[in-house]
C-alpha cells in the first residue's frame, strides 16, 4: 500500500514537471519581434519580406496567416530559420511561427 502511494506521488510530480515545461510562458515569446513588410514582388522570384532591426527576412509562409499583406505594414512576428532556402536571395529564409498586425 505504501509503495502504491509513493508511485502515485512520484507520477504526480513527474506529470507536473512535464506539463509545466511544455506550457511555460510560450505566449510571452510569440510575436515578440516587430518589423515592416516590404513588397519585393517582381524582383528575381521575391515576394513580401519583413525588415526588422536592420535585417531582412524572407518568410516562406507569409500567405498562410489570413492577413491582408501590404507594403509598409507594421507587424509583430516570431520565426524559425527555414530548413529550405527561399526563392529570393535578399534575406534569411524563415518560417513564421506567429504573425499579426502591430
PDB file of N, CA and C in Angstrom:
ATOM      1  N   UNK A   1       0.824  -1.197   0.000  1.00  0.00           N
ATOM      2  CA  UNK A   1       0.000   0.000   0.000  1.00  0.00           C
ATOM      3  C   UNK A   1       0.868   1.261   0.000  1.00  0.00           C
ATOM      4  N   UNK A   2       1.907   1.269   0.843  1.00  0.00           N
ATOM      5  CA  UNK A   2       2.804   2.415   0.903  1.00  0.00           C
ATOM      6  C   UNK A   2       3.540   2.591  -0.426  1.00  0.00           C
ATOM      7  N   UNK A   3       3.957   1.483  -1.029  1.00  0.00           N
ATOM      8  CA  UNK A   3       4.643   1.525  -2.324  1.00  0.00           C
ATOM      9  C   UNK A   3       3.727   2.128  -3.389  1.00  0.00           C
ATOM     10  N   UNK A   4       2.456   1.790  -3.364  1.00  0.00           N
ATOM     11  CA  UNK A   4       1.481   2.319  -4.324  1.00  0.00           C
ATOM     12  C   UNK A   4       1.325   3.834  -4.152  1.00  0.00           C
ATOM     13  N   UNK A   5       1.265   4.309  -2.907  1.00  0.00           N
ATOM     14  CA  UNK A   5       1.133   5.747  -2.644  1.00  0.00           C
ATOM     15  C   UNK A   5       2.368   6.510  -3.118  1.00  0.00           C
ATOM     16  N   UNK A   6       3.536   5.934  -2.895  1.00  0.00           N
ATOM     17  CA  UNK A   6       4.773   6.579  -3.340  1.00  0.00           C
ATOM     18  C   UNK A   6       4.795   6.677  -4.860  1.00  0.00           C
ATOM     19  N   UNK A   7       4.366   5.627  -5.542  1.00  0.00           N
ATOM     20  CA  UNK A   7       4.314   5.651  -7.006  1.00  0.00           C
ATOM     21  C   UNK A   7       3.367   6.734  -7.509  1.00  0.00           C
ATOM     22  N   UNK A   8       2.230   6.874  -6.868  1.00  0.00           N
ATOM     23  CA  UNK A   8       1.261   7.898  -7.273  1.00  0.00           C
ATOM     24  C   UNK A   8       1.842   9.294  -7.063  1.00  0.00           C
ATOM     25  N   UNK A   9       2.513   9.499  -5.935  1.00  0.00           N
ATOM     26  CA  UNK A   9       3.124  10.801  -5.660  1.00  0.00           C
ATOM     27  C   UNK A   9       4.206  11.111  -6.689  1.00  0.00           C
ATOM     28  N   UNK A  10       5.074  10.142  -6.969  1.00  0.00           N
ATOM     29  CA  UNK A  10       6.138  10.351  -7.953  1.00  0.00           C
ATOM     30  C   UNK A  10       5.570  10.615  -9.341  1.00  0.00           C
ATOM     31  N   UNK A  11       4.528   9.889  -9.707  1.00  0.00           N
ATOM     32  CA  UNK A  11       3.896  10.094 -11.002  1.00  0.00           C
ATOM     33  C   UNK A  11       3.276  11.487 -11.085  1.00  0.00           C
ATOM     34  N   UNK A  12       2.669  11.932 -10.007  1.00  0.00           N
ATOM     35  CA  UNK A  12       2.078  13.276  -9.978  1.00  0.00           C
ATOM     36  C   UNK A  12       3.148  14.352 -10.134  1.00  0.00           C
ATOM     37  N   UNK A  13       4.267  14.174  -9.453  1.00  0.00           N
ATOM     38  CA  UNK A  13       5.360  15.141  -9.564  1.00  0.00           C
ATOM     39  C   UNK A  13       5.907  15.162 -10.983  1.00  0.00           C
ATOM     40  N   UNK A  14       6.116  13.987 -11.564  1.00  0.00           N
ATOM     41  CA  UNK A  14       6.624  13.896 -12.928  1.00  0.00           C
ATOM     42  C   UNK A  14       5.669  14.562 -13.911  1.00  0.00           C
ATOM     43  N   UNK A  15       4.384  14.303 -13.776  1.00  0.00           N
ATOM     44  CA  UNK A  15       3.394  14.932 -14.660  1.00  0.00           C
ATOM     45  C   UNK A  15       3.414  16.449 -14.501  1.00  0.00           C
ATOM     46  N   UNK A  16       3.584  16.920 -13.296  1.00  0.00           N
ATOM     47  CA  UNK A  16       3.662  18.357 -13.059  1.00  0.00           C
ATOM     48  C   UNK A  16       4.827  18.986 -13.793  1.00  0.00           C
ATOM     49  N   UNK A  17       5.986  18.327 -13.762  1.00  0.00           N
ATOM     50  CA  UNK A  17       7.151  18.838 -14.495  1.00  0.00           C
ATOM     51  C   UNK A  17       6.914  18.833 -15.992  1.00  0.00           C
ATOM     52  N   UNK A  18       6.330  17.770 -16.508  1.00  0.00           N
ATOM     53  CA  UNK A  18       6.091  17.664 -17.947  1.00  0.00           C
ATOM     54  C   UNK A  18       5.135  18.753 -18.409  1.00  0.00           C
ATOM     55  N   UNK A  19       4.025  18.927 -17.713  1.00  0.00           N
ATOM     56  CA  UNK A  19       3.046  19.926 -18.133  1.00  0.00           C
ATOM     57  C   UNK A  19       3.575  21.344 -17.942  1.00  0.00           C
ATOM     58  N   UNK A  20       4.326  21.576 -16.885  1.00  0.00           N
ATOM     59  CA  UNK A  20       4.901  22.903 -16.670  1.00  0.00           C
ATOM     60  C   UNK A  20       5.915  23.259 -17.731  1.00  0.00           C
ATOM     61  N   UNK A  21       6.792  22.333 -18.071  1.00  0.00           N
ATOM     62  CA  UNK A  21       7.833  22.652 -19.044  1.00  0.00           C
ATOM     63  C   UNK A  21       7.266  22.834 -20.438  1.00  0.00           C
ATOM     64  N   UNK A  22       6.189  22.160 -20.767  1.00  0.00           N
ATOM     65  CA  UNK A  22       5.639  22.292 -22.115  1.00  0.00           C
ATOM     66  C   UNK A  22       4.774  23.532 -22.276  1.00  0.00           C
ATOM     67  N   UNK A  23       4.323  24.117 -21.191  1.00  0.00           N
ATOM     68  CA  UNK A  23       3.461  25.290 -21.307  1.00  0.00           C
ATOM     69  C   UNK A  23       4.082  26.532 -20.676  1.00  0.00           C
ATOM     70  N   UNK A  24       5.333  26.464 -20.358  1.00  0.00           N
ATOM     71  CA  UNK A  24       5.998  27.530 -19.619  1.00  0.00           C
ATOM     72  C   UNK A  24       6.156  28.798 -20.452  1.00  0.00           C
ATOM     73  N   UNK A  25       5.293  29.743 -20.245  1.00  0.00           N
ATOM     74  CA  UNK A  25       5.390  31.076 -20.839  1.00  0.00           C
ATOM     75  C   UNK A  25       5.599  31.075 -22.348  1.00  0.00           C
ATOM     76  N   UNK A  26       5.032  30.155 -23.066  1.00  0.00           N
ATOM     77  CA  UNK A  26       5.180  30.148 -24.521  1.00  0.00           C
ATOM     78  C   UNK A  26       4.587  31.405 -25.135  1.00  0.00           C
ATOM     79  N   UNK A  27       3.492  31.899 -24.596  1.00  0.00           N
ATOM     80  CA  UNK A  27       2.845  33.077 -25.161  1.00  0.00           C
ATOM     81  C   UNK A  27       3.691  34.337 -25.002  1.00  0.00           C
ATOM     82  N   UNK A  28       4.603  34.334 -24.006  1.00  0.00           N
ATOM     83  CA  UNK A  28       5.432  35.511 -23.786  1.00  0.00           C
ATOM     84  C   UNK A  28       6.350  35.789 -24.972  1.00  0.00           C
ATOM     85  N   UNK A  29       6.767  34.746 -25.681  1.00  0.00           N
ATOM     86  CA  UNK A  29       7.709  34.907 -26.780  1.00  0.00           C
ATOM     87  C   UNK A  29       7.028  34.997 -28.137  1.00  0.00           C
ATOM     88  N   UNK A  30       5.753  34.691 -28.219  1.00  0.00           N
ATOM     89  CA  UNK A  30       5.082  34.719 -29.506  1.00  0.00           C
ATOM     90  C   UNK A  30       4.938  36.150 -29.991  1.00  0.00           C
ATOM     91  N   UNK A  31       5.253  36.338 -31.242  1.00  0.00           N
ATOM     92  CA  UNK A  31       5.126  37.654 -31.883  1.00  0.00           C
ATOM     93  C   UNK A  31       5.874  38.750 -31.139  1.00  0.00           C
ATOM     94  N   UNK A  32       7.023  38.419 -30.575  1.00  0.00           N
ATOM     95  CA  UNK A  32       7.783  39.379 -29.783  1.00  0.00           C
ATOM     96  C   UNK A  32       8.615  40.331 -30.631  1.00  0.00           C
ATOM     97  N   UNK A  33       8.869  39.990 -31.882  1.00  0.00           N
ATOM     98  CA  UNK A  33       9.687  40.832 -32.754  1.00  0.00           C
ATOM     99  C   UNK A  33       8.782  41.719 -33.605  1.00  0.00           C
ATOM    100  N   UNK A  34       9.217  42.935 -33.844  1.00  0.00           N
ATOM    101  CA  UNK A  34       8.440  43.852 -34.683  1.00  0.00           C
ATOM    102  C   UNK A  34       9.174  44.088 -35.996  1.00  0.00           C
ATOM    103  N   UNK A  35       8.416  44.401 -37.026  1.00  0.00           N
ATOM    104  CA  UNK A  35       9.027  44.649 -38.328  1.00  0.00           C
ATOM    105  C   UNK A  35       8.075  45.354 -39.267  1.00  0.00           C
ATOM    106  N   UNK A  36       8.585  45.646 -40.452  1.00  0.00           N
ATOM    107  CA  UNK A  36       7.822  46.311 -41.510  1.00  0.00           C
ATOM    108  C   UNK A  36       7.839  45.414 -42.739  1.00  0.00           C
ATOM    109  N   UNK A  37       6.664  45.158 -43.294  1.00  0.00           N
ATOM    110  CA  UNK A  37       6.562  44.367 -44.523  1.00  0.00           C
ATOM    111  C   UNK A  37       6.982  45.242 -45.700  1.00  0.00           C
ATOM    112  N   UNK A  38       7.803  44.678 -46.574  1.00  0.00           N
ATOM    113  CA  UNK A  38       8.234  45.366 -47.793  1.00  0.00           C
ATOM    114  C   UNK A  38       7.846  44.520 -48.996  1.00  0.00           C
ATOM    115  N   UNK A  39       7.377  45.174 -50.044  1.00  0.00           N
ATOM    116  CA  UNK A  39       6.937  44.494 -51.258  1.00  0.00           C
ATOM    117  C   UNK A  39       8.114  44.347 -52.218  1.00  0.00           C
ATOM    118  N   UNK A  40       8.621  43.133 -52.352  1.00  0.00           N
ATOM    119  CA  UNK A  40       9.710  42.842 -53.285  1.00  0.00           C
ATOM    120  C   UNK A  40       9.208  41.984 -54.436  1.00  0.00           C
ATOM    121  N   UNK A  41       7.895  41.979 -54.672  1.00  0.00           N
ATOM    122  CA  UNK A  41       7.328  41.196 -55.769  1.00  0.00           C
ATOM    123  C   UNK A  41       7.933  41.644 -57.093  1.00  0.00           C
ATOM    124  N   UNK A  42       8.229  40.690 -57.942  1.00  0.00           N
ATOM    125  CA  UNK A  42       8.777  41.004 -59.250  1.00  0.00           C
ATOM    126  C   UNK A  42      10.285  41.122 -59.287  1.00  0.00           C
ATOM    127  N   UNK A  43      10.950  40.926 -58.172  1.00  0.00           N
ATOM    128  CA  UNK A  43      12.409  41.007 -58.136  1.00  0.00           C
ATOM    129  C   UNK A  43      13.001  39.610 -57.968  1.00  0.00           C
ATOM    130  N   UNK A  44      13.338  38.971 -59.044  1.00  0.00           N
ATOM    131  CA  UNK A  44      14.012  37.667 -59.037  1.00  0.00           C
ATOM    132  C   UNK A  44      13.363  36.643 -58.111  1.00  0.00           C
ATOM    133  N   UNK A  45      12.083  36.410 -58.287  1.00  0.00           N
ATOM    134  CA  UNK A  45      11.391  35.392 -57.500  1.00  0.00           C
ATOM    135  C   UNK A  45      11.041  35.809 -56.090  1.00  0.00           C
ATOM    136  N   UNK A  46      11.148  37.077 -55.800  1.00  0.00           N
ATOM    137  CA  UNK A  46      10.868  37.557 -54.444  1.00  0.00           C
ATOM    138  C   UNK A  46       9.369  37.753 -54.224  1.00  0.00           C
ATOM    139  N   UNK A  47       9.006  37.851 -52.978  1.00  0.00           N
ATOM    140  CA  UNK A  47       7.643  38.078 -52.543  1.00  0.00           C
ATOM    141  C   UNK A  47       7.719  39.214 -51.523  1.00  0.00           C
ATOM    142  N   UNK A  48       6.851  39.180 -50.540  1.00  0.00           N
ATOM    143  CA  UNK A  48       6.944  40.129 -49.446  1.00  0.00           C
ATOM    144  C   UNK A  48       8.056  39.681 -48.505  1.00  0.00           C
ATOM    145  N   UNK A  49       8.786  40.638 -47.962  1.00  0.00           N
ATOM    146  CA  UNK A  49       9.805  40.365 -46.959  1.00  0.00           C
ATOM    147  C   UNK A  49       9.474  41.201 -45.727  1.00  0.00           C
ATOM    148  N   UNK A  50      10.131  40.881 -44.627  1.00  0.00           N
ATOM    149  CA  UNK A  50       9.964  41.655 -43.397  1.00  0.00           C
ATOM    150  C   UNK A  50      11.324  42.226 -43.022  1.00  0.00           C
ATOM    151  N   UNK A  51      11.374  43.532 -42.829  1.00  0.00           N
ATOM    152  CA  UNK A  51      12.590  44.185 -42.357  1.00  0.00           C
ATOM    153  C   UNK A  51      12.435  44.446 -40.865  1.00  0.00           C
ATOM    154  N   UNK A  52      13.471  44.055 -40.105  1.00  0.00           N
ATOM    155  CA  UNK A  52      13.426  44.213 -38.659  1.00  0.00           C
ATOM    156  C   UNK A  52      14.844  44.354 -38.114  1.00  0.00           C
ATOM    157  N   UNK A  53      15.086  45.403 -37.367  1.00  0.00           N
ATOM    158  CA  UNK A  53      16.392  45.629 -36.734  1.00  0.00           C
ATOM    159  C   UNK A  53      17.552  45.507 -37.712  1.00  0.00           C
ATOM    160  N   UNK A  54      17.402  46.068 -38.893  1.00  0.00           N
ATOM    161  CA  UNK A  54      18.468  46.058 -39.876  1.00  0.00           C
ATOM    162  C   UNK A  54      18.635  44.749 -40.633  1.00  0.00           C
ATOM    163  N   UNK A  55      17.767  43.786 -40.387  1.00  0.00           N
ATOM    164  CA  UNK A  55      17.821  42.506 -41.086  1.00  0.00           C
ATOM    165  C   UNK A  55      16.635  42.382 -42.027  1.00  0.00           C
ATOM    166  N   UNK A  56      16.805  41.576 -43.063  1.00  0.00           N
ATOM    167  CA  UNK A  56      15.720  41.290 -43.996  1.00  0.00           C
ATOM    168  C   UNK A  56      15.400  39.805 -43.887  1.00  0.00           C
ATOM    169  N   UNK A  57      14.119  39.504 -43.674  1.00  0.00           N
ATOM    170  CA  UNK A  57      13.655  38.124 -43.551  1.00  0.00           C
ATOM    171  C   UNK A  57      12.715  37.802 -44.703  1.00  0.00           C
ATOM    172  N   UNK A  58      12.885  36.622 -45.262  1.00  0.00           N
ATOM    173  CA  UNK A  58      12.003  36.151 -46.329  1.00  0.00           C
ATOM    174  C   UNK A  58      11.112  35.043 -45.767  1.00  0.00           C
ATOM    175  N   UNK A  59       9.912  35.386 -45.310  1.00  0.00           N
ATOM    176  CA  UNK A  59       9.020  34.372 -44.745  1.00  0.00           C
ATOM    177  C   UNK A  59       8.416  33.503 -45.847  1.00  0.00           C
ATOM    178  N   UNK A  60       8.666  32.210 -45.768  1.00  0.00           N
ATOM    179  CA  UNK A  60       8.178  31.316 -46.821  1.00  0.00           C
ATOM    180  C   UNK A  60       6.694  30.988 -46.653  1.00  0.00           C
ATOM    181  N   UNK A  61       6.125  31.320 -45.500  1.00  0.00           N
ATOM    182  CA  UNK A  61       4.712  31.022 -45.252  1.00  0.00           C
ATOM    183  C   UNK A  61       3.899  32.279 -44.918  1.00  0.00           C
ATOM    184  N   UNK A  62       4.274  33.407 -45.455  1.00  0.00           N
ATOM    185  CA  UNK A  62       3.611  34.673 -45.114  1.00  0.00           C
ATOM    186  C   UNK A  62       2.141  34.692 -45.541  1.00  0.00           C
ATOM    187  N   UNK A  63       1.791  33.948 -46.577  1.00  0.00           N
ATOM    188  CA  UNK A  63       0.402  33.944 -47.060  1.00  0.00           C
ATOM    189  C   UNK A  63      -0.494  32.954 -46.320  1.00  0.00           C
ATOM    190  N   UNK A  64       0.046  32.239 -45.360  1.00  0.00           N
ATOM    191  CA  UNK A  64      -0.726  31.228 -44.629  1.00  0.00           C
ATOM    192  C   UNK A  64      -1.453  31.780 -43.409  1.00  0.00           C
ATOM    193  N   UNK A  65      -1.361  33.062 -43.142  1.00  0.00           N
ATOM    194  CA  UNK A  65      -1.871  33.620 -41.891  1.00  0.00           C
ATOM    195  C   UNK A  65      -3.212  34.332 -42.018  1.00  0.00           C
ATOM    196  N   UNK A  66      -3.746  34.440 -43.211  1.00  0.00           N
ATOM    197  CA  UNK A  66      -5.061  35.040 -43.387  1.00  0.00           C
ATOM    198  C   UNK A  66      -5.094  36.548 -43.207  1.00  0.00           C
ATOM    199  N   UNK A  67      -3.950  37.192 -43.273  1.00  0.00           N
ATOM    200  CA  UNK A  67      -3.904  38.650 -43.162  1.00  0.00           C
ATOM    201  C   UNK A  67      -3.775  39.271 -44.542  1.00  0.00           C
ATOM    202  N   UNK A  68      -4.357  40.441 -44.704  1.00  0.00           N
ATOM    203  CA  UNK A  68      -4.099  41.209 -45.916  1.00  0.00           C
ATOM    204  C   UNK A  68      -2.695  41.784 -45.747  1.00  0.00           C
ATOM    205  N   UNK A  69      -1.827  41.517 -46.714  1.00  0.00           N
ATOM    206  CA  UNK A  69      -0.430  41.930 -46.611  1.00  0.00           C
ATOM    207  C   UNK A  69      -0.180  43.068 -47.587  1.00  0.00           C
ATOM    208  N   UNK A  70       0.487  44.114 -47.114  1.00  0.00           N
ATOM    209  CA  UNK A  70       0.754  45.266 -47.965  1.00  0.00           C
ATOM    210  C   UNK A  70       2.088  45.908 -47.579  1.00  0.00           C
ATOM    211  N   UNK A  71       2.649  46.645 -48.516  1.00  0.00           N
ATOM    212  CA  UNK A  71       3.919  47.332 -48.319  1.00  0.00           C
ATOM    213  C   UNK A  71       3.782  48.362 -47.204  1.00  0.00           C
ATOM    214  N   UNK A  72       4.720  48.362 -46.280  1.00  0.00           N
ATOM    215  CA  UNK A  72       4.706  49.320 -45.179  1.00  0.00           C
ATOM    216  C   UNK A  72       3.932  48.857 -43.955  1.00  0.00           C
ATOM    217  N   UNK A  73       3.360  47.682 -44.013  1.00  0.00           N
ATOM    218  CA  UNK A  73       2.563  47.146 -42.905  1.00  0.00           C
ATOM    219  C   UNK A  73       3.459  46.880 -41.688  1.00  0.00           C
ATOM    220  N   UNK A  74       3.037  47.360 -40.521  1.00  0.00           N
ATOM    221  CA  UNK A  74       3.756  47.096 -39.273  1.00  0.00           C
ATOM    222  C   UNK A  74       3.227  45.789 -38.691  1.00  0.00           C
ATOM    223  N   UNK A  75       4.154  44.879 -38.363  1.00  0.00           N
ATOM    224  CA  UNK A  75       3.761  43.557 -37.887  1.00  0.00           C
ATOM    225  C   UNK A  75       4.582  43.142 -36.673  1.00  0.00           C
ATOM    226  N   UNK A  76       4.006  42.233 -35.923  1.00  0.00           N
ATOM    227  CA  UNK A  76       4.704  41.511 -34.865  1.00  0.00           C
ATOM    228  C   UNK A  76       4.842  40.081 -35.357  1.00  0.00           C
ATOM    229  N   UNK A  77       5.986  39.456 -35.076  1.00  0.00           N
ATOM    230  CA  UNK A  77       6.193  38.103 -35.573  1.00  0.00           C
ATOM    231  C   UNK A  77       7.227  37.362 -34.745  1.00  0.00           C
ATOM    232  N   UNK A  78       7.236  36.064 -34.900  1.00  0.00           N
ATOM    233  CA  UNK A  78       8.315  35.214 -34.413  1.00  0.00           C
ATOM    234  C   UNK A  78       8.570  34.192 -35.505  1.00  0.00           C
ATOM    235  N   UNK A  79       9.731  33.580 -35.478  1.00  0.00           N
ATOM    236  CA  UNK A  79      10.107  32.724 -36.599  1.00  0.00           C
ATOM    237  C   UNK A  79      11.126  31.672 -36.194  1.00  0.00           C
ATOM    238  N   UNK A  80      11.318  30.732 -37.099  1.00  0.00           N
ATOM    239  CA  UNK A  80      12.424  29.784 -37.063  1.00  0.00           C
ATOM    240  C   UNK A  80      13.111  29.876 -38.417  1.00  0.00           C
ATOM    241  N   UNK A  81      14.405  29.677 -38.431  1.00  0.00           N
ATOM    242  CA  UNK A  81      15.131  29.645 -39.701  1.00  0.00           C
ATOM    243  C   UNK A  81      14.570  28.484 -40.512  1.00  0.00           C
ATOM    244  N   UNK A  82      14.247  28.737 -41.768  1.00  0.00           N
ATOM    245  CA  UNK A  82      13.645  27.716 -42.633  1.00  0.00           C
ATOM    246  C   UNK A  82      14.664  26.628 -42.956  1.00  0.00           C
ATOM    247  N   UNK A  83      14.162  25.414 -43.086  1.00  0.00           N
ATOM    248  CA  UNK A  83      15.039  24.289 -43.416  1.00  0.00           C
ATOM    249  C   UNK A  83      15.417  24.286 -44.889  1.00  0.00           C
ATOM    250  N   UNK A  84      14.641  24.972 -45.703  1.00  0.00           N
ATOM    251  CA  UNK A  84      14.968  25.064 -47.129  1.00  0.00           C
ATOM    252  C   UNK A  84      15.175  26.534 -47.486  1.00  0.00           C
ATOM    253  N   UNK A  85      16.001  26.783 -48.482  1.00  0.00           N
ATOM    254  CA  UNK A  85      16.238  28.179 -48.863  1.00  0.00           C
ATOM    255  C   UNK A  85      14.999  28.791 -49.501  1.00  0.00           C
ATOM    256  N   UNK A  86      14.879  30.083 -49.382  1.00  0.00           N
ATOM    257  CA  UNK A  86      13.772  30.783 -50.019  1.00  0.00           C
ATOM    258  C   UNK A  86      14.040  30.967 -51.501  1.00  0.00           C
ATOM    259  N   UNK A  87      13.081  31.540 -52.183  1.00  0.00           N
ATOM    260  CA  UNK A  87      13.218  31.751 -53.630  1.00  0.00           C
ATOM    261  C   UNK A  87      13.902  33.072 -53.949  1.00  0.00           C
ATOM    262  N   UNK A  88      14.168  33.858 -52.942  1.00  0.00           N
ATOM    263  CA  UNK A  88      14.715  35.200 -53.114  1.00  0.00           C
ATOM    264  C   UNK A  88      16.028  35.289 -52.329  1.00  0.00           C
ATOM    265  N   UNK A  89      17.035  35.830 -52.916  1.00  0.00           N
ATOM    266  CA  UNK A  89      18.342  35.902 -52.253  1.00  0.00           C
ATOM    267  C   UNK A  89      18.542  37.215 -51.499  1.00  0.00           C
ATOM    268  N   UNK A  90      17.451  37.842 -51.090  1.00  0.00           N
ATOM    269  CA  UNK A  90      17.553  39.150 -50.440  1.00  0.00           C
ATOM    270  C   UNK A  90      17.767  39.032 -48.940  1.00  0.00           C
ATOM    271  N   UNK A  91      17.155  38.013 -48.313  1.00  0.00           N
ATOM    272  CA  UNK A  91      17.244  37.906 -46.867  1.00  0.00           C
ATOM    273  C   UNK A  91      17.312  36.470 -46.397  1.00  0.00           C
ATOM    274  N   UNK A  92      17.178  36.310 -45.095  1.00  0.00           N
ATOM    275  CA  UNK A  92      17.199  35.000 -44.460  1.00  0.00           C
ATOM    276  C   UNK A  92      15.826  34.358 -44.621  1.00  0.00           C
ATOM    277  N   UNK A  93      15.789  33.134 -45.150  1.00  0.00           N
ATOM    278  CA  UNK A  93      14.516  32.423 -45.304  1.00  0.00           C
ATOM    279  C   UNK A  93      14.051  31.946 -43.931  1.00  0.00           C
ATOM    280  N   UNK A  94      12.799  32.277 -43.591  1.00  0.00           N
ATOM    281  CA  UNK A  94      12.250  31.905 -42.285  1.00  0.00           C
ATOM    282  C   UNK A  94      10.868  31.283 -42.442  1.00  0.00           C
ATOM    283  N   UNK A  95      10.479  30.543 -41.421  1.00  0.00           N
ATOM    284  CA  UNK A  95       9.112  30.057 -41.277  1.00  0.00           C
ATOM    285  C   UNK A  95       8.495  30.843 -40.127  1.00  0.00           C
ATOM    286  N   UNK A  96       7.429  31.555 -40.402  1.00  0.00           N
ATOM    287  CA  UNK A  96       6.758  32.334 -39.360  1.00  0.00           C
ATOM    288  C   UNK A  96       6.066  31.397 -38.387  1.00  0.00           C
ATOM    289  N   UNK A  97       6.277  31.618 -37.097  1.00  0.00           N
ATOM    290  CA  UNK A  97       5.610  30.856 -36.051  1.00  0.00           C
ATOM    291  C   UNK A  97       4.437  31.652 -35.483  1.00  0.00           C
ATOM    292  N   UNK A  98       4.515  32.957 -35.645  1.00  0.00           N
ATOM    293  CA  UNK A  98       3.462  33.872 -35.223  1.00  0.00           C
ATOM    294  C   UNK A  98       3.553  35.082 -36.143  1.00  0.00           C
ATOM    295  N   UNK A  99       2.407  35.626 -36.542  1.00  0.00           N
ATOM    296  CA  UNK A  99       2.394  36.768 -37.465  1.00  0.00           C
ATOM    297  C   UNK A  99       1.085  37.506 -37.268  1.00  0.00           C
ATOM    298  N   UNK A 100       1.175  38.796 -36.891  1.00  0.00           N
ATOM    299  CA  UNK A 100      -0.025  39.591 -36.656  1.00  0.00           C
ATOM    300  C   UNK A 100       0.268  41.062 -36.911  1.00  0.00           C
ATOM    301  N   UNK A 101      -0.779  41.824 -37.128  1.00  0.00           N
ATOM    302  CA  UNK A 101      -0.633  43.273 -37.277  1.00  0.00           C
ATOM    303  C   UNK A 101      -0.171  43.873 -35.959  1.00  0.00           C
ATOM    304  N   UNK A 102       0.701  44.858 -36.052  1.00  0.00           N
ATOM    305  CA  UNK A 102       1.197  45.524 -34.833  1.00  0.00           C
ATOM    306  C   UNK A 102       0.206  46.567 -34.371  1.00  0.00           C
TER     307      UNK A 102
END
